[in-house]
Amino acid sequence: ASQHAGLAAQLQQAKWMIKNVERRFDTIMRVSQAIVDRQSDFLSDGPAAMRPLILKDIAEVLGMHESTISRATTQKFMLTPFGTLELKRFFGSGVATDSGDLASATAVQALIRKLVDQENPSKPLSDNQLTAKLAEAGIVIARRTVAKYRESSRIAPASLRRSRAAARG
């Protein structure tokens, strides 16, 4: 009879584990769907269309705790038309624009990348010039923020880009 009790306990543990895995899968699916609903512009138009989004936004919509959303998005990935991204990448604080809209940090980084890709290689844009060009586009941020975004996008400073262009030339 004690052997039977042991099997019953193991069966109960297995059922509990399956239920938890199903719940976890359901949470990840719900969080992913909520992210997709809020980042549809990104999914159709690319990184420049990424909207600001914080964990709290998704937590409120789903009636979950922010820490649950954080755990559900860490080391979980989504295949998008723009590559496989960690769910965490869909979250980012906003940068105010002239029009009062918010542009996400990801969108601003994409714009910096575009400006650098279009620059004259022998006269690369300085962080001050990038800041001015962003301001012309209605995104007013500090030069040090531009430098931070440029560095996080792995774009070398203007002096290095200039010397690389000279070495190639």
Protein backbone atom coordinates (compact mmCIF):
# COMPACT_ATOMS: atom_id res chain seq x y z
CA ALA A 1 0.00 0.00 0.00
CA SER A 2 2.90 2.38 0.74
CA GLN A 3 4.20 1.83 -2.80
CA HIS A 4 0.76 2.81 -4.12
CA ALA A 5 0.83 6.00 -1.98
CA GLY A 6 4.27 6.87 -3.41
CA LEU A 7 2.99 6.49 -6.96
CA ALA A 8 -0.06 8.62 -6.16
CA ALA A 9 2.21 11.36 -4.77
CA GLN A 10 4.43 11.24 -7.89
CA LEU A 11 1.36 11.40 -10.13
CA GLN A 12 0.11 14.43 -8.16
CA GLN A 13 3.53 16.12 -8.58
CA ALA A 14 3.48 15.41 -12.32
CA LYS A 15 -0.02 16.89 -12.67
CA TRP A 16 1.06 19.96 -10.67
CA MET A 17 4.12 20.42 -12.89
CA ILE A 18 2.08 20.10 -16.12
CA LYS A 19 -0.44 22.64 -14.79
CA ASN A 20 2.39 25.11 -13.97
CA VAL A 21 4.02 24.68 -17.40
CA GLU A 22 0.63 25.28 -19.05
CA ARG A 23 0.06 28.38 -16.90
CA ARG A 24 3.53 29.69 -17.77
CA PHE A 25 2.92 29.10 -21.49
CA ASP A 26 -0.45 30.87 -21.23
CA THR A 27 1.19 33.86 -19.49
CA ILE A 28 3.92 34.13 -22.15
CA MET A 29 1.29 33.93 -24.91
CA ARG A 30 -0.91 36.59 -23.30
CA VAL A 31 2.06 38.92 -22.70
CA SER A 32 3.34 38.36 -26.27
CA GLN A 33 -0.11 39.09 -27.73
CA ALA A 34 -0.42 42.28 -25.67
CA ILE A 35 3.02 43.40 -26.91
CA VAL A 36 2.07 42.63 -30.54
CA ASP A 37 -1.18 44.61 -30.11
CA ARG A 38 0.76 47.65 -28.89
CA GLN A 39 3.72 47.38 -31.27
CA SER A 40 1.84 46.64 -34.52
CA ASP A 41 3.45 49.69 -36.23
CA PHE A 42 6.89 48.26 -35.46
CA LEU A 43 5.89 44.87 -36.87
CA SER A 44 4.73 46.43 -40.13
CA ASP A 45 7.10 49.43 -40.50
CA GLY A 46 10.27 48.51 -38.59
CA PRO A 47 12.36 49.82 -35.70
CA ALA A 48 11.69 53.50 -36.43
CA ALA A 49 8.00 52.84 -35.61
CA MET A 50 8.65 51.25 -32.17
CA ARG A 51 6.33 52.85 -29.61
CA PRO A 52 7.32 53.59 -26.03
CA LEU A 53 6.07 50.81 -23.80
CA ILE A 54 6.68 50.02 -20.15
CA LEU A 55 6.09 46.82 -18.18
CA LYS A 56 3.36 48.59 -16.20
CA ASP A 57 1.31 49.14 -19.42
CA ILE A 58 1.17 45.41 -20.14
CA ALA A 59 0.72 44.50 -16.44
CA GLU A 60 -2.35 46.77 -16.20
CA VAL A 61 -3.94 45.42 -19.40
CA LEU A 62 -3.48 41.81 -18.31
CA GLY A 63 -4.21 42.34 -14.62
CA MET A 64 -0.82 40.95 -13.63
CA HIS A 65 2.07 42.21 -11.54
CA GLU A 66 4.94 44.06 -13.26
CA SER A 67 7.40 41.47 -11.91
CA THR A 68 5.40 38.73 -13.67
CA ILE A 69 5.64 40.65 -16.96
CA SER A 70 9.37 41.14 -16.38
CA ARG A 71 9.94 37.41 -15.81
CA ALA A 72 7.71 36.50 -18.76
CA THR A 73 9.77 38.70 -21.12
CA THR A 74 13.29 37.81 -19.94
CA GLN A 75 15.10 35.34 -22.17
CA LYS A 76 11.93 34.79 -24.22
CA PHE A 77 12.16 35.60 -27.92
CA MET A 78 9.80 36.48 -30.76
CA LEU A 79 10.43 36.04 -34.46
CA THR A 80 9.50 39.33 -36.18
CA PRO A 81 9.86 40.57 -39.77
CA PHE A 82 12.91 42.45 -38.42
CA GLY A 83 14.68 39.50 -36.82
CA THR A 84 14.35 37.50 -33.63
CA LEU A 85 14.03 39.87 -30.68
CA GLU A 86 13.97 39.29 -26.96
CA LEU A 87 10.53 40.32 -25.67
CA LYS A 88 12.34 42.83 -23.40
CA ARG A 89 13.37 44.76 -26.56
CA PHE A 90 9.75 45.83 -27.08
CA PHE A 91 9.89 47.87 -23.89
CA GLY A 92 11.56 51.22 -23.76
CA SER A 93 10.95 54.62 -22.32
CA GLY A 94 9.72 57.38 -24.53
CA VAL A 95 11.43 60.47 -25.82
CA ALA A 96 9.15 63.48 -26.20
CA THR A 97 8.81 64.97 -29.67
CA ASP A 98 7.77 68.49 -30.70
CA SER A 99 4.28 67.33 -31.55
CA GLY A 100 3.85 66.03 -28.01
CA ASP A 101 4.01 62.44 -29.23
CA LEU A 102 6.45 59.97 -27.79
CA ALA A 103 9.12 58.23 -29.84
CA SER A 104 10.71 55.15 -28.31
CA ALA A 105 14.44 54.95 -27.68
CA THR A 106 14.52 52.15 -30.27
CA ALA A 107 12.95 54.44 -32.87
CA VAL A 108 15.44 57.22 -32.09
CA GLN A 109 18.33 54.73 -32.35
CA ALA A 110 17.00 53.60 -35.74
CA LEU A 111 16.87 57.24 -36.87
CA ILE A 112 20.47 57.83 -35.70
CA ARG A 113 21.54 54.69 -37.62
CA LYS A 114 19.76 56.00 -40.74
CA LEU A 115 21.44 59.43 -40.45
CA VAL A 116 24.87 57.80 -40.05
CA ASP A 117 24.23 55.43 -42.97
CA GLN A 118 23.38 58.44 -45.18
CA GLU A 119 26.26 60.68 -44.06
CA ASN A 120 29.22 61.64 -46.23
CA PRO A 121 31.89 59.13 -45.03
CA SER A 122 34.66 61.74 -45.28
CA LYS A 123 32.58 64.21 -43.21
CA PRO A 124 30.79 62.07 -40.59
CA LEU A 125 28.17 63.72 -38.41
CA SER A 126 29.27 64.67 -34.89
CA ASP A 127 26.97 63.99 -31.94
CA ASN A 128 26.12 67.72 -31.98
CA GLN A 129 25.17 67.51 -35.66
CA LEU A 130 23.12 64.35 -35.04
CA THR A 131 21.36 66.16 -32.17
CA ALA A 132 20.56 69.09 -34.52
CA LYS A 133 19.24 66.76 -37.28
CA LEU A 134 17.04 64.93 -34.75
CA ALA A 135 15.73 68.32 -33.56
CA GLU A 136 14.86 69.18 -37.18
CA ALA A 137 12.87 65.93 -37.23
CA GLY A 138 11.05 67.07 -34.07
CA ILE A 139 12.98 64.90 -31.60
CA VAL A 140 14.62 67.17 -29.07
CA ILE A 141 17.08 65.27 -26.88
CA ALA A 142 20.39 66.10 -25.23
CA ARG A 143 23.68 65.52 -27.06
CA ARG A 144 24.78 63.11 -24.32
CA THR A 145 21.61 61.07 -24.95
CA VAL A 146 22.45 60.97 -28.67
CA ALA A 147 25.97 59.78 -27.72
CA LYS A 148 24.48 57.09 -25.44
CA TYR A 149 22.11 55.87 -28.17
CA ARG A 150 24.91 55.95 -30.77
CA GLU A 151 27.15 53.87 -28.50
CA SER A 152 24.39 51.38 -27.65
CA SER A 153 23.83 50.96 -31.41
CA ARG A 154 27.56 50.20 -31.74
CA ILE A 155 28.17 53.22 -33.98
CA ALA A 156 31.68 54.61 -33.63
CA PRO A 157 32.22 58.31 -32.85
CA ALA A 158 32.59 60.69 -35.84
CA SER A 159 36.39 60.91 -35.45
CA LEU A 160 36.74 57.13 -35.72
CA ARG A 161 34.28 56.92 -38.63
CA ARG A 162 36.28 59.66 -40.41
CA SER A 163 39.62 57.89 -39.94
CA ARG A 164 38.11 54.58 -41.16
CA ALA A 165 36.77 56.32 -44.28
CA ALA A 166 40.23 57.85 -44.90
CA ALA A 167 41.87 54.45 -44.50
CA ARG A 168 39.47 52.93 -47.06
CA GLY A 169 39.72 55.90 -49.44
